[in-house]
Amino acid sequence: MLASPLWRSLGADVIQLEAILDMRLMIDDRKPLSTGMGKRQSQKKDRKHGSIWSALLFTFMGVLYIIPLYAIPDRITGMSVYFSLLLAFITLTLITDFSNTLFDKRDKYILFPRPVSDKTLVLAKLLHVFIYLLRMVLPMALPAWVMLGCIDGWASALLFPLPLTLMVCLALFFVNSFYLLVLHLTRPEKFKDIINYFQIFTSVVFFATVYLLPGYFNREGNNRFDASNFAWLKFLPSSWLAACWVWIGFPAPQQNTLMLSIIGILLPLLCAFILIKWLSPQFSKKISGIDGIEVTESSNNTAVKSSSKSKIYVQLARLFNRSEEGQAGFIITWLLTSRSRTFRMRVYPSFAFIPIYFIYLLSQGKNGIKYAIADLPHTSKHLLLLYMSSYVLISGMSYMIMSEQYKAAWVYYSSPVGVPGKVMSGALKAMWVKFFLPFFSVLSIFTLVTWGPQVLPDLLLALINVTLLAACIARVSFRQLPFSMMEQAKQKGGKFLKGLISMLVPATLGLGHYFAIHLWWLKLIFMLLSSAMLWLVWDSYSNTTWANINREEQNS
């Protein structure tokens, strides 16, 4: 608020502006970290000093991002890679995290009835983004700042804030440009869907960075990273910012580095001018108009039409379920998993996590990933890849029972359903058909191409064992109706032990699969045993009674 005269000249009410910002920052401070560890509702407490914990988390991430600085001997090239990583992370984080802040429907019910002007609301949102950016950038940049001061001396540490500030200007320019482009090309109700997919993309990029980046730079560090092998780096804005280190005597890795450093200063300043002069006013008008629009799912998606009999999911529901209750559970799960942004955000990244983690495991060899990939046909690592696919199914199952609108589950209890397990088994079949089977098919094609047709029995046995694993976990740990549980519900500790026991049987079969890798007759025996056990577990799960569900809810 030290710039109150400026805010007042822009048409904002500074008293209201301070009150709105104070409340939003207080809410940020109490927001729990996104660790995925929910608490029971009866034990839920407000978290204070959340900004301190966030700063510690960003500082830890900043330590990870300084790997290029000590892995790459050339300072300018190392700073180029560092600014590239930091700029990409900050831009994606702003795009994904602040869509809910910029387009918060609660303003419609809390602030709109009050005498608050549009300029005050828009400025409060933009300043909120700026403060959040400051809280994120400073902790992330602190490890690199300290490292440069210790290794390069005071001149490098003194120079560091200048390109860092210019990088923030570039990030804000990219984010505003992205928002304006999306708002221009799409309808407001589709905006959050696009942001949701960006969130998924961001989570995948961060996962890949954590697992693959350290190993990559360790290998390059051993081989003396040469900037001449990466000529495209000079076309990145981050390289122009890093070129500023030529001013304090660091050797230039390529020609025209001094000219690139001048461009690195002028371009962000030009972007800042465009941002203030044209983009911000247009952006303010856009979000002012959208604030009054109710962002909901399209009615076309929620309407149940008479032509639904021809829908593919209806045909699949009838194909995989004999009972009408099973068909209903199949269709409900199929539709809600497509419409729920929360479900997509949590489950869709798992499709990318598995190949990334598989590549990470391959890269741990002494001879490098190229040798490991070339040697794949002579190994049994296809079993590891096939059994890792269970993560997609288990991840989907764990979120299949939870929903923000869990109170709508009263419809299950008001319907004449004698055996709720039929609905649950239909829901699990929908998860298996919609998510696991296509993903497993892609992995199977890769496996057949890499290892040859002789691994076909392994594919069949792995498919049965992974399905058995999912059925065992569902029978013990997820014995609830689809989308009927509160998201913050947490199972009691005994569930973990039961879930561990339920995994021992299929894990034993998986270990037996490994030892029977060259014995086709033993694989056939395992197929018969796994199929029989799958039938028994599935029959028990599909015959779950209301009494069983009530016990599960009491234990939640």
Protein backbone atom coordinates (compact mmCIF):
# COMPACT_ATOMS: atom_id res chain seq x y z
CA MET A 1 0.00 0.00 0.00
CA LEU A 2 3.01 2.32 -0.18
CA ALA A 3 1.89 3.04 -3.75
CA SER A 4 -1.60 4.12 -2.64
CA PRO A 5 -1.47 7.39 -4.66
CA LEU A 6 -0.85 5.34 -7.80
CA TRP A 7 -3.74 2.98 -7.05
CA ARG A 8 -5.99 5.95 -6.36
CA SER A 9 -5.00 7.56 -9.65
CA LEU A 10 -5.99 4.34 -11.42
CA GLY A 11 -9.51 4.68 -10.03
CA ALA A 12 -9.36 2.25 -7.11
CA ASP A 13 -10.69 2.82 -3.60
CA VAL A 14 -7.55 2.26 -1.54
CA ILE A 15 -9.44 1.46 1.69
CA GLN A 16 -11.47 -1.26 -0.04
CA LEU A 17 -8.39 -2.41 -1.93
CA GLU A 18 -6.44 -2.91 1.28
CA ALA A 19 -9.34 -4.76 2.93
CA ILE A 20 -9.76 -7.14 -0.02
CA LEU A 21 -6.03 -7.82 -0.31
CA ASP A 22 -5.72 -8.35 3.44
CA MET A 23 -8.50 -10.96 3.43
CA ARG A 24 -7.18 -12.80 0.38
CA LEU A 25 -3.65 -12.96 1.75
CA MET A 26 -5.03 -14.18 5.07
CA ILE A 27 -6.85 -16.98 3.23
CA ASP A 28 -3.63 -17.84 1.39
CA ASP A 29 -1.81 -18.03 4.69
CA ARG A 30 -4.33 -20.56 6.02
CA LYS A 31 -4.47 -22.69 2.88
CA PRO A 32 -2.98 -26.17 3.44
CA LEU A 33 -0.20 -27.43 1.25
CA SER A 34 -1.29 -29.75 -1.56
CA THR A 35 0.29 -32.93 -0.20
CA GLY A 36 -2.68 -35.15 -0.93
CA MET A 37 -2.88 -36.22 2.72
CA GLY A 38 -6.42 -35.43 3.73
CA LYS A 39 -7.63 -35.26 7.31
CA ARG A 40 -10.80 -36.48 8.84
CA GLN A 41 -13.41 -33.79 9.02
CA SER A 42 -13.69 -34.07 12.79
CA GLN A 43 -9.95 -33.42 13.11
CA LYS A 44 -9.66 -30.65 10.53
CA LYS A 45 -8.03 -27.49 11.81
CA ASP A 46 -7.13 -24.24 10.17
CA ARG A 47 -3.50 -24.12 9.09
CA LYS A 48 -1.71 -20.92 9.95
CA HIS A 49 1.48 -19.50 8.47
CA GLY A 50 0.92 -21.37 5.21
CA SER A 51 3.03 -18.79 3.38
CA ILE A 52 6.05 -19.77 5.49
CA TRP A 53 5.65 -23.43 4.59
CA SER A 54 5.19 -22.47 0.95
CA ALA A 55 8.38 -20.42 1.07
CA LEU A 56 10.27 -23.41 2.48
CA LEU A 57 8.86 -25.62 -0.28
CA PHE A 58 9.85 -23.13 -2.99
CA THR A 59 13.32 -22.84 -1.45
CA PHE A 60 13.73 -26.61 -1.67
CA MET A 61 12.65 -26.49 -5.31
CA GLY A 62 15.17 -23.71 -5.88
CA VAL A 63 17.92 -26.01 -4.61
CA LEU A 64 16.85 -28.54 -7.25
CA TYR A 65 16.93 -25.91 -9.99
CA ILE A 66 20.55 -24.89 -9.30
CA ILE A 67 21.80 -28.26 -10.60
CA PRO A 68 22.75 -26.73 -13.98
CA LEU A 69 24.87 -24.08 -12.25
CA TYR A 70 27.31 -26.60 -10.79
CA ALA A 71 26.89 -29.31 -13.44
CA ILE A 72 27.77 -26.98 -16.36
CA PRO A 73 31.24 -25.38 -16.13
CA ASP A 74 30.38 -22.46 -18.40
CA ARG A 75 28.59 -19.87 -16.26
CA ILE A 76 26.60 -18.21 -19.06
CA THR A 77 25.33 -21.54 -20.42
CA GLY A 78 24.49 -22.71 -16.91
CA MET A 79 22.55 -19.52 -16.20
CA SER A 80 20.75 -19.92 -19.52
CA VAL A 81 19.49 -23.37 -18.55
CA TYR A 82 18.65 -22.14 -15.03
CA PHE A 83 16.59 -19.20 -16.27
CA SER A 84 14.85 -21.47 -18.80
CA LEU A 85 13.74 -23.85 -16.08
CA LEU A 86 12.74 -21.06 -13.71
CA LEU A 87 10.85 -19.11 -16.37
CA ALA A 88 8.94 -22.20 -17.52
CA PHE A 89 8.00 -23.17 -13.96
CA ILE A 90 6.88 -19.68 -12.94
CA THR A 91 4.86 -19.16 -16.12
CA LEU A 92 3.08 -22.51 -15.88
CA THR A 93 2.44 -22.03 -12.17
CA LEU A 94 0.87 -18.62 -12.69
CA ILE A 95 -1.29 -19.92 -15.53
CA THR A 96 -2.58 -22.88 -13.54
CA ASP A 97 -2.71 -21.67 -9.94
CA PHE A 98 -4.26 -18.25 -10.42
CA SER A 99 -7.13 -19.04 -12.76
CA ASN A 100 -9.32 -19.63 -9.71
CA THR A 101 -8.22 -16.30 -8.24
CA LEU A 102 -8.81 -14.28 -11.39
CA PHE A 103 -12.14 -15.97 -12.11
CA ASP A 104 -13.45 -16.62 -8.61
CA LYS A 105 -17.22 -17.06 -8.64
CA ARG A 106 -17.41 -16.25 -4.92
CA ASP A 107 -16.78 -12.59 -5.75
CA LYS A 108 -20.18 -12.64 -7.39
CA TYR A 109 -21.86 -13.45 -4.09
CA ILE A 110 -19.61 -11.63 -1.60
CA LEU A 111 -18.21 -8.51 -3.28
CA PHE A 112 -20.59 -7.74 -6.13
CA PRO A 113 -23.53 -6.84 -3.82
CA ARG A 114 -21.24 -4.33 -2.07
CA PRO A 115 -20.40 -0.91 -3.48
CA VAL A 116 -17.02 -2.02 -4.87
CA SER A 117 -15.98 -0.72 -8.28
CA ASP A 118 -14.71 -2.93 -11.07
CA LYS A 119 -11.36 -1.13 -11.10
CA THR A 120 -10.86 -1.91 -7.41
CA LEU A 121 -11.71 -5.58 -7.94
CA VAL A 122 -9.43 -5.96 -10.95
CA LEU A 123 -6.53 -4.17 -9.28
CA ALA A 124 -6.94 -6.30 -6.15
CA LYS A 125 -6.70 -9.44 -8.27
CA LEU A 126 -3.64 -8.26 -10.18
CA LEU A 127 -1.85 -7.15 -7.00
CA HIS A 128 -2.71 -10.51 -5.44
CA VAL A 129 -0.97 -12.20 -8.38
CA PHE A 130 2.04 -9.89 -7.99
CA ILE A 131 2.39 -10.62 -4.26
CA TYR A 132 2.06 -14.35 -4.88
CA LEU A 133 4.72 -14.11 -7.59
CA LEU A 134 7.02 -12.27 -5.19
CA ARG A 135 6.50 -14.95 -2.52
CA MET A 136 7.35 -17.64 -5.05
CA VAL A 137 10.27 -16.10 -6.95
CA LEU A 138 12.32 -14.87 -4.00
CA PRO A 139 12.54 -18.25 -2.16
CA MET A 140 13.20 -20.12 -5.43
CA ALA A 141 15.96 -17.70 -6.44
CA LEU A 142 17.59 -17.58 -3.00
CA PRO A 143 19.70 -20.79 -3.37
CA ALA A 144 21.08 -19.64 -6.73
CA TRP A 145 21.75 -16.17 -5.35
CA VAL A 146 23.73 -17.57 -2.41
CA MET A 147 25.59 -20.02 -4.63
CA LEU A 148 26.64 -17.32 -7.10
CA GLY A 149 27.85 -15.12 -4.27
CA CYS A 150 29.92 -17.93 -2.74
CA ILE A 151 31.42 -19.27 -5.99
CA ASP A 152 31.66 -16.26 -8.31
CA GLY A 153 31.98 -13.45 -5.82
CA TRP A 154 30.06 -10.29 -5.00
CA ALA A 155 29.87 -9.05 -8.62
CA SER A 156 27.82 -12.06 -9.77
CA ALA A 157 25.55 -11.84 -6.71
CA LEU A 158 25.04 -8.12 -7.29
CA LEU A 159 24.16 -8.69 -10.96
CA PHE A 160 21.71 -11.55 -10.30
CA PRO A 161 18.63 -9.47 -9.26
CA LEU A 162 18.61 -7.55 -12.58
CA PRO A 163 18.01 -10.49 -14.97
CA LEU A 164 15.76 -12.09 -12.35
CA THR A 165 13.51 -9.02 -12.35
CA LEU A 166 13.50 -8.93 -16.13
CA MET A 167 12.58 -12.63 -16.17
CA VAL A 168 9.55 -11.88 -13.96
CA CYS A 169 8.46 -9.24 -16.48
CA LEU A 170 8.68 -11.85 -19.23
CA ALA A 171 6.65 -14.33 -17.15
CA LEU A 172 3.89 -11.80 -16.55
CA PHE A 173 3.89 -10.90 -20.23
CA PHE A 174 3.57 -14.54 -21.29
CA VAL A 175 0.80 -15.22 -18.77
CA ASN A 176 -1.25 -12.17 -19.75
CA SER A 177 -0.80 -12.98 -23.42
CA PHE A 178 -1.88 -16.57 -22.85
CA TYR A 179 -4.99 -15.54 -20.91
CA LEU A 180 -6.00 -13.00 -23.54
CA LEU A 181 -5.46 -15.49 -26.35
CA VAL A 182 -7.54 -18.16 -24.61
CA LEU A 183 -10.31 -15.71 -23.72
CA HIS A 184 -10.37 -14.50 -27.31
CA LEU A 185 -10.51 -17.96 -28.87
CA THR A 186 -12.81 -19.77 -26.43
CA ARG A 187 -16.02 -19.22 -24.53
CA PRO A 188 -15.75 -18.31 -20.83
CA GLU A 189 -17.28 -21.62 -19.71
CA LYS A 190 -14.48 -23.48 -21.52
CA PHE A 191 -11.72 -21.44 -19.93
CA LYS A 192 -11.37 -23.58 -16.81
CA ASP A 193 -11.22 -26.75 -18.88
CA ILE A 194 -8.21 -25.39 -20.76
CA ILE A 195 -6.56 -24.31 -17.52
CA ASN A 196 -7.25 -27.78 -16.10
CA TYR A 197 -5.30 -29.40 -18.93
CA PHE A 198 -2.48 -26.94 -18.34
CA GLN A 199 -2.44 -28.04 -14.70
CA ILE A 200 -2.10 -31.63 -15.84
CA PHE A 201 0.70 -30.67 -18.21
CA THR A 202 2.47 -28.73 -15.43
CA SER A 203 2.33 -31.64 -12.99
CA VAL A 204 3.80 -33.95 -15.64
CA VAL A 205 6.60 -31.49 -16.45
CA PHE A 206 7.45 -31.09 -12.77
CA PHE A 207 7.48 -34.87 -12.23
CA ALA A 208 9.76 -35.34 -15.24
CA THR A 209 12.03 -32.53 -14.01
CA VAL A 210 12.44 -34.07 -10.56
CA TYR A 211 13.30 -37.54 -11.87
CA LEU A 212 15.12 -36.92 -15.14
CA LEU A 213 16.90 -33.56 -14.77
CA PRO A 214 19.47 -34.50 -12.08
CA GLY A 215 20.61 -37.62 -13.93
CA TYR A 216 20.83 -35.75 -17.23
CA PHE A 217 23.07 -32.99 -15.90
CA ASN A 218 25.18 -35.43 -13.92
CA ARG A 219 25.96 -37.26 -17.15
CA GLU A 220 26.53 -34.02 -19.04
CA GLY A 221 28.68 -32.72 -16.20
CA ASN A 222 30.90 -35.76 -16.49
CA ASN A 223 31.15 -35.26 -20.25
CA ARG A 224 31.84 -31.50 -20.01
CA PHE A 225 28.67 -29.84 -21.23
CA ASP A 226 29.49 -28.02 -24.49
CA ALA A 227 27.23 -25.11 -25.47
CA SER A 228 28.28 -25.44 -29.11
CA ASN A 229 26.28 -28.68 -29.27
CA PHE A 230 23.14 -26.75 -28.38
CA ALA A 231 23.10 -23.86 -30.83
CA TRP A 232 19.35 -23.39 -30.36
CA LEU A 233 19.92 -22.07 -26.84
CA LYS A 234 20.84 -18.64 -28.19
CA PHE A 235 17.29 -18.18 -29.48
CA LEU A 236 15.77 -18.45 -26.00
CA PRO A 237 15.01 -15.28 -24.01
CA SER A 238 16.58 -16.95 -20.99
CA SER A 239 19.90 -17.10 -22.88
CA TRP A 240 19.72 -13.38 -23.52
CA LEU A 241 19.30 -12.79 -19.79
CA ALA A 242 22.19 -15.11 -18.99
CA ALA A 243 24.39 -13.24 -21.48
CA CYS A 244 24.53 -10.37 -18.97
CA TRP A 245 27.27 -12.29 -17.15
CA VAL A 246 29.65 -11.34 -19.94
CA TRP A 247 29.63 -7.84 -18.43
CA ILE A 248 31.55 -9.02 -15.36
CA GLY A 249 34.23 -10.92 -17.23
CA PHE A 250 32.83 -14.41 -17.81
CA PRO A 251 33.90 -15.85 -21.18
CA ALA A 252 31.30 -15.84 -23.96
CA PRO A 253 30.32 -19.37 -25.08
CA GLN A 254 29.38 -18.13 -28.56
CA GLN A 255 29.62 -15.11 -30.85
CA ASN A 256 27.50 -11.95 -30.39
CA THR A 257 26.99 -12.70 -26.68
CA LEU A 258 27.31 -8.99 -25.84
CA MET A 259 24.60 -8.15 -28.37
CA LEU A 260 22.37 -10.87 -26.89
CA SER A 261 22.80 -9.32 -23.43
CA ILE A 262 21.58 -5.96 -24.75
CA ILE A 263 18.55 -7.68 -26.29
CA GLY A 264 18.02 -9.39 -22.94
CA ILE A 265 17.63 -5.99 -21.31
CA LEU A 266 15.57 -4.26 -23.98
CA LEU A 267 13.12 -7.08 -24.74
CA PRO A 268 11.73 -7.49 -21.18
CA LEU A 269 11.42 -3.70 -20.89
CA LEU A 270 9.49 -3.65 -24.17
CA CYS A 271 7.29 -6.50 -22.90
CA ALA A 272 6.65 -4.58 -19.68
CA PHE A 273 5.64 -1.49 -21.66
CA ILE A 274 3.26 -3.53 -23.84
CA LEU A 275 1.91 -5.21 -20.72
CA ILE A 276 1.12 -1.94 -18.97
CA LYS A 277 0.01 0.01 -22.02
CA TRP A 278 -2.18 -2.52 -23.87
CA LEU A 279 -2.38 -6.01 -22.38
CA SER A 280 -3.34 -5.12 -18.81
CA PRO A 281 -6.23 -2.79 -19.79
CA GLN A 282 -7.62 -5.38 -22.20
CA PHE A 283 -7.13 -8.11 -19.64
CA SER A 284 -8.93 -6.04 -17.01
CA LYS A 285 -11.92 -5.57 -19.32
CA LYS A 286 -12.03 -9.28 -20.09
CA ILE A 287 -12.00 -10.49 -16.50
CA SER A 288 -14.42 -7.74 -15.45
CA GLY A 289 -16.90 -9.08 -17.98
CA ILE A 290 -16.32 -12.70 -17.09
CA ASP A 291 -16.75 -12.20 -13.35
CA GLY A 292 -20.47 -11.87 -13.89
CA ILE A 293 -20.72 -15.07 -15.90
CA GLU A 294 -21.55 -18.28 -14.14
CA VAL A 295 -18.89 -20.79 -15.16
CA THR A 296 -20.60 -24.15 -15.27
CA GLU A 297 -20.43 -27.26 -17.29
CA SER A 298 -22.13 -27.03 -20.63
CA SER A 299 -25.74 -28.08 -20.62
CA ASN A 300 -25.02 -30.19 -23.65
CA ASN A 301 -22.75 -32.34 -21.53
CA THR A 302 -25.24 -32.85 -18.73
CA ALA A 303 -28.39 -33.36 -20.70
CA VAL A 304 -29.57 -36.93 -21.00
CA LYS A 305 -31.03 -37.25 -24.46
CA SER A 306 -33.26 -39.88 -25.88
CA SER A 307 -30.54 -40.82 -28.32
CA SER A 308 -28.27 -41.95 -25.46
CA LYS A 309 -29.00 -45.57 -26.35
CA SER A 310 -26.57 -45.21 -29.22
CA LYS A 311 -23.78 -43.84 -26.99
CA ILE A 312 -20.70 -46.00 -26.83
CA TYR A 313 -20.65 -46.04 -23.02
CA VAL A 314 -24.24 -47.35 -22.94
CA GLN A 315 -23.30 -50.17 -25.26
CA LEU A 316 -20.21 -50.97 -23.19
CA ALA A 317 -22.28 -50.87 -19.99
CA ARG A 318 -24.62 -53.51 -21.42
CA LEU A 319 -21.73 -55.57 -22.72
CA PHE A 320 -19.87 -55.76 -19.40
CA ASN A 321 -22.84 -55.84 -16.99
CA ARG A 322 -25.80 -58.16 -16.83
CA SER A 323 -27.68 -56.33 -14.07
CA GLU A 324 -29.29 -52.92 -14.49
CA GLU A 325 -27.60 -51.75 -11.28
CA GLY A 326 -24.21 -52.60 -12.76
CA GLN A 327 -25.07 -50.74 -15.95
CA ALA A 328 -26.12 -47.70 -13.92
CA GLY A 329 -22.85 -47.72 -11.94
CA PHE A 330 -20.89 -48.08 -15.18
CA ILE A 331 -22.64 -45.14 -16.89
CA ILE A 332 -22.48 -42.87 -13.81
CA THR A 333 -18.74 -43.46 -13.41
CA TRP A 334 -18.06 -43.07 -17.13
CA LEU A 335 -19.83 -39.71 -17.29
CA LEU A 336 -18.60 -38.22 -14.01
CA THR A 337 -14.96 -39.10 -14.67
CA SER A 338 -15.24 -37.09 -17.89
CA ARG A 339 -16.98 -34.09 -16.33
CA SER A 340 -15.06 -33.75 -13.07
CA ARG A 341 -12.09 -31.39 -13.42
CA THR A 342 -10.78 -32.56 -10.04
CA PHE A 343 -10.76 -36.18 -11.15
CA ARG A 344 -8.98 -35.34 -14.40
CA MET A 345 -6.37 -33.31 -12.55
CA ARG A 346 -5.59 -36.20 -10.19
CA VAL A 347 -5.76 -39.20 -12.48
CA TYR A 348 -4.70 -38.10 -15.96
CA PRO A 349 -1.07 -37.32 -14.98
CA SER A 350 -0.60 -40.95 -13.93
CA PHE A 351 -0.63 -41.93 -17.61
CA ALA A 352 2.58 -39.93 -18.10
CA PHE A 353 4.14 -40.77 -14.73
CA ILE A 354 4.59 -44.45 -15.62
CA PRO A 355 6.68 -44.02 -18.81
CA ILE A 356 8.67 -41.22 -17.14
CA TYR A 357 9.46 -43.38 -14.14
CA PHE A 358 10.30 -46.32 -16.40
CA ILE A 359 12.78 -44.14 -18.30
CA TYR A 360 14.18 -42.98 -14.96
CA LEU A 361 14.78 -46.60 -13.91
CA LEU A 362 16.48 -47.34 -17.23
CA SER A 363 18.74 -44.30 -16.85
CA GLN A 364 20.12 -45.57 -13.54
CA GLY A 365 22.37 -48.07 -15.30
CA LYS A 366 26.11 -47.55 -15.47
CA ASN A 367 26.20 -47.47 -19.27
CA GLY A 368 23.51 -44.83 -19.77
CA ILE A 369 20.00 -44.85 -21.13
CA LYS A 370 20.99 -45.44 -24.77
CA TYR A 371 22.62 -48.74 -23.90
CA ALA A 372 19.72 -49.67 -21.62
CA ILE A 373 17.17 -49.08 -24.42
CA ALA A 374 19.25 -51.06 -26.91
CA ASP A 375 19.53 -53.92 -24.43
CA LEU A 376 15.81 -54.02 -23.57
CA PRO A 377 14.91 -56.99 -25.85
CA HIS A 378 17.45 -59.12 -23.95
CA THR A 379 15.96 -58.36 -20.53
CA SER A 380 12.74 -59.11 -18.63
CA LYS A 381 11.96 -55.47 -17.87
CA HIS A 382 8.72 -55.68 -19.82
CA LEU A 383 7.24 -57.29 -16.68
CA LEU A 384 8.17 -54.19 -14.68
CA LEU A 385 6.47 -51.94 -17.22
CA LEU A 386 3.33 -54.09 -17.39
CA TYR A 387 2.88 -54.30 -13.63
CA MET A 388 3.59 -50.58 -13.23
CA SER A 389 0.44 -49.98 -15.28
CA SER A 390 -1.57 -50.95 -12.18
CA TYR A 391 -0.85 -47.44 -10.85
CA VAL A 392 -3.30 -45.97 -13.38
CA LEU A 393 -6.12 -48.26 -12.26
CA ILE A 394 -5.42 -47.93 -8.53
CA SER A 395 -5.12 -44.15 -8.80
CA GLY A 396 -8.47 -43.96 -10.59
CA MET A 397 -10.10 -46.25 -8.02
CA SER A 398 -8.90 -44.16 -5.10
CA TYR A 399 -10.56 -41.02 -6.50
CA MET A 400 -13.59 -42.84 -7.93
CA ILE A 401 -15.25 -42.94 -4.51
CA MET A 402 -14.64 -39.26 -3.62
CA SER A 403 -16.39 -36.11 -4.78
CA GLU A 404 -16.86 -32.48 -3.81
CA GLN A 405 -20.60 -33.05 -4.31
CA TYR A 406 -20.68 -36.17 -2.13
CA LYS A 407 -24.05 -35.18 -0.64
CA ALA A 408 -25.65 -36.01 -3.97
CA ALA A 409 -25.07 -39.68 -3.07
CA TRP A 410 -28.47 -39.67 -1.34
CA VAL A 411 -29.82 -40.87 -4.69
CA TYR A 412 -28.24 -44.28 -4.08
CA TYR A 413 -30.10 -44.69 -0.79
CA SER A 414 -33.42 -43.49 -2.20
CA SER A 415 -33.31 -45.95 -5.12
CA PRO A 416 -34.61 -49.53 -4.89
CA VAL A 417 -31.15 -51.09 -5.02
CA GLY A 418 -31.07 -54.37 -3.13
CA VAL A 419 -27.35 -55.14 -3.63
CA PRO A 420 -25.22 -51.96 -3.87
CA GLY A 421 -22.22 -54.08 -4.79
CA LYS A 422 -23.67 -54.37 -8.29
CA VAL A 423 -23.38 -50.60 -8.70
CA MET A 424 -19.85 -50.67 -7.29
CA SER A 425 -18.72 -53.48 -9.59
CA GLY A 426 -20.17 -51.62 -12.57
CA ALA A 427 -18.22 -48.51 -11.55
CA LEU A 428 -14.98 -50.50 -11.25
CA LYS A 429 -15.57 -52.04 -14.67
CA ALA A 430 -15.99 -48.53 -16.11
CA MET A 431 -12.61 -47.54 -14.67
CA TRP A 432 -11.05 -50.71 -16.08
CA VAL A 433 -12.53 -50.25 -19.56
CA LYS A 434 -12.15 -46.49 -19.88
CA PHE A 435 -8.71 -45.91 -18.38
CA PHE A 436 -6.74 -49.08 -17.73
CA LEU A 437 -7.52 -51.20 -20.79
CA PRO A 438 -6.53 -48.55 -23.41
CA PHE A 439 -3.36 -47.71 -21.49
CA PHE A 440 -2.45 -51.37 -21.06
CA SER A 441 -3.09 -51.90 -24.77
CA VAL A 442 -0.59 -49.16 -25.67
CA LEU A 443 2.01 -50.70 -23.36
CA SER A 444 1.26 -54.12 -24.87
CA ILE A 445 1.90 -52.82 -28.39
CA PHE A 446 5.21 -51.33 -27.25
CA THR A 447 6.09 -54.60 -25.52
CA LEU A 448 5.28 -56.70 -28.59
CA VAL A 449 7.29 -54.42 -30.87
CA THR A 450 10.30 -54.39 -28.52
CA TRP A 451 10.35 -57.96 -27.19
CA GLY A 452 8.49 -59.82 -29.94
CA PRO A 453 5.38 -62.06 -30.02
CA GLN A 454 6.91 -64.57 -27.58
CA VAL A 455 5.86 -62.28 -24.68
CA LEU A 456 2.15 -62.63 -25.49
CA PRO A 457 1.57 -65.09 -22.59
CA ASP A 458 3.25 -62.54 -20.28
CA LEU A 459 0.79 -59.89 -21.45
CA LEU A 460 -2.21 -62.09 -20.68
CA LEU A 461 -0.91 -63.14 -17.27
CA ALA A 462 0.00 -59.56 -16.33
CA LEU A 463 -3.45 -58.35 -17.39
CA ILE A 464 -5.12 -60.92 -15.14
CA ASN A 465 -2.80 -60.28 -12.20
CA VAL A 466 -3.16 -56.49 -12.34
CA THR A 467 -6.95 -56.83 -12.50
CA LEU A 468 -6.79 -59.20 -9.53
CA LEU A 469 -4.67 -56.65 -7.65
CA ALA A 470 -7.26 -53.94 -8.32
CA ALA A 471 -10.12 -56.21 -7.24
CA CYS A 472 -8.36 -57.11 -3.99
CA ILE A 473 -7.68 -53.47 -3.14
CA ALA A 474 -11.25 -52.47 -4.05
CA ARG A 475 -12.65 -55.29 -1.94
CA VAL A 476 -10.66 -54.27 1.15
CA SER A 477 -10.01 -50.52 0.90
CA PHE A 478 -12.53 -48.96 -1.52
CA ARG A 479 -15.79 -50.63 -0.60
CA GLN A 480 -17.93 -47.52 -1.15
CA LEU A 481 -20.37 -46.35 -3.77
CA PRO A 482 -18.91 -44.22 -6.59
CA PHE A 483 -18.46 -40.51 -5.83
CA SER A 484 -20.17 -40.82 -2.44
CA MET A 485 -17.35 -39.98 0.00
CA MET A 486 -16.16 -36.64 1.25
CA GLU A 487 -12.75 -35.73 -0.21
CA GLN A 488 -11.17 -35.08 3.16
CA ALA A 489 -12.25 -38.41 4.56
CA LYS A 490 -9.36 -40.55 5.72
CA GLN A 491 -9.42 -44.27 6.34
CA LYS A 492 -8.41 -45.54 9.75
CA GLY A 493 -5.03 -47.10 10.22
CA GLY A 494 -6.33 -50.69 10.08
CA LYS A 495 -7.20 -50.18 6.43
CA PHE A 496 -3.55 -49.84 5.54
CA LEU A 497 -2.73 -53.21 7.04
CA LYS A 498 -5.68 -54.83 5.27
CA GLY A 499 -4.69 -53.20 1.99
CA LEU A 500 -1.13 -54.45 2.44
CA ILE A 501 -2.39 -57.98 3.03
CA SER A 502 -4.69 -57.75 0.01
CA MET A 503 -1.66 -56.95 -2.17
CA LEU A 504 0.42 -59.88 -0.98
CA VAL A 505 -1.47 -62.53 -2.96
CA PRO A 506 -1.26 -60.85 -6.40
CA ALA A 507 2.27 -59.64 -5.59
CA THR A 508 3.23 -63.26 -4.91
CA LEU A 509 1.75 -64.23 -8.27
CA GLY A 510 3.67 -61.42 -9.92
CA LEU A 511 6.89 -62.67 -8.35
CA GLY A 512 6.00 -66.17 -9.55
CA HIS A 513 5.46 -64.67 -12.99
CA TYR A 514 9.05 -63.45 -12.96
CA PHE A 515 10.44 -66.85 -12.01
CA ALA A 516 8.26 -68.54 -14.63
CA ILE A 517 9.39 -66.21 -17.38
CA HIS A 518 10.79 -69.07 -19.51
CA LEU A 519 8.26 -71.78 -18.54
CA TRP A 520 5.10 -71.49 -20.62
CA TRP A 521 3.33 -74.33 -18.81
CA LEU A 522 3.89 -72.65 -15.43
CA LYS A 523 2.50 -69.41 -16.83
CA LEU A 524 -0.63 -71.32 -17.86
CA ILE A 525 -1.03 -72.65 -14.33
CA PHE A 526 -0.66 -69.13 -12.93
CA MET A 527 -3.29 -67.87 -15.38
CA LEU A 528 -5.76 -70.47 -14.14
CA LEU A 529 -5.01 -69.72 -10.48
CA SER A 530 -5.21 -65.94 -10.94
CA SER A 531 -8.44 -66.22 -12.92
CA ALA A 532 -10.05 -68.39 -10.25
CA MET A 533 -8.99 -66.01 -7.49
CA LEU A 534 -10.18 -63.02 -9.51
CA TRP A 535 -13.61 -64.61 -9.90
CA LEU A 536 -13.85 -65.24 -6.14
CA VAL A 537 -12.73 -61.72 -5.14
CA TRP A 538 -14.94 -60.07 -7.74
CA ASP A 539 -17.96 -62.10 -6.67
CA SER A 540 -17.41 -61.03 -3.06
CA TYR A 541 -17.03 -57.37 -4.08
CA SER A 542 -20.10 -57.32 -6.32
CA ASN A 543 -22.23 -58.84 -3.51
CA THR A 544 -21.41 -56.07 -1.05
CA THR A 545 -24.47 -55.34 1.11
CA TRP A 546 -25.78 -52.15 2.65
CA ALA A 547 -24.53 -53.38 6.02
CA ASN A 548 -20.99 -53.64 4.62
CA ILE A 549 -21.18 -50.09 3.25
CA ASN A 550 -22.50 -48.72 6.54
CA ARG A 551 -19.54 -50.28 8.37
CA GLU A 552 -17.13 -48.74 5.87
CA GLU A 553 -18.70 -45.30 6.33
CA GLN A 554 -18.49 -45.59 10.11
CA ASN A 555 -14.79 -46.45 9.83
CA SER A 556 -14.10 -43.41 7.61
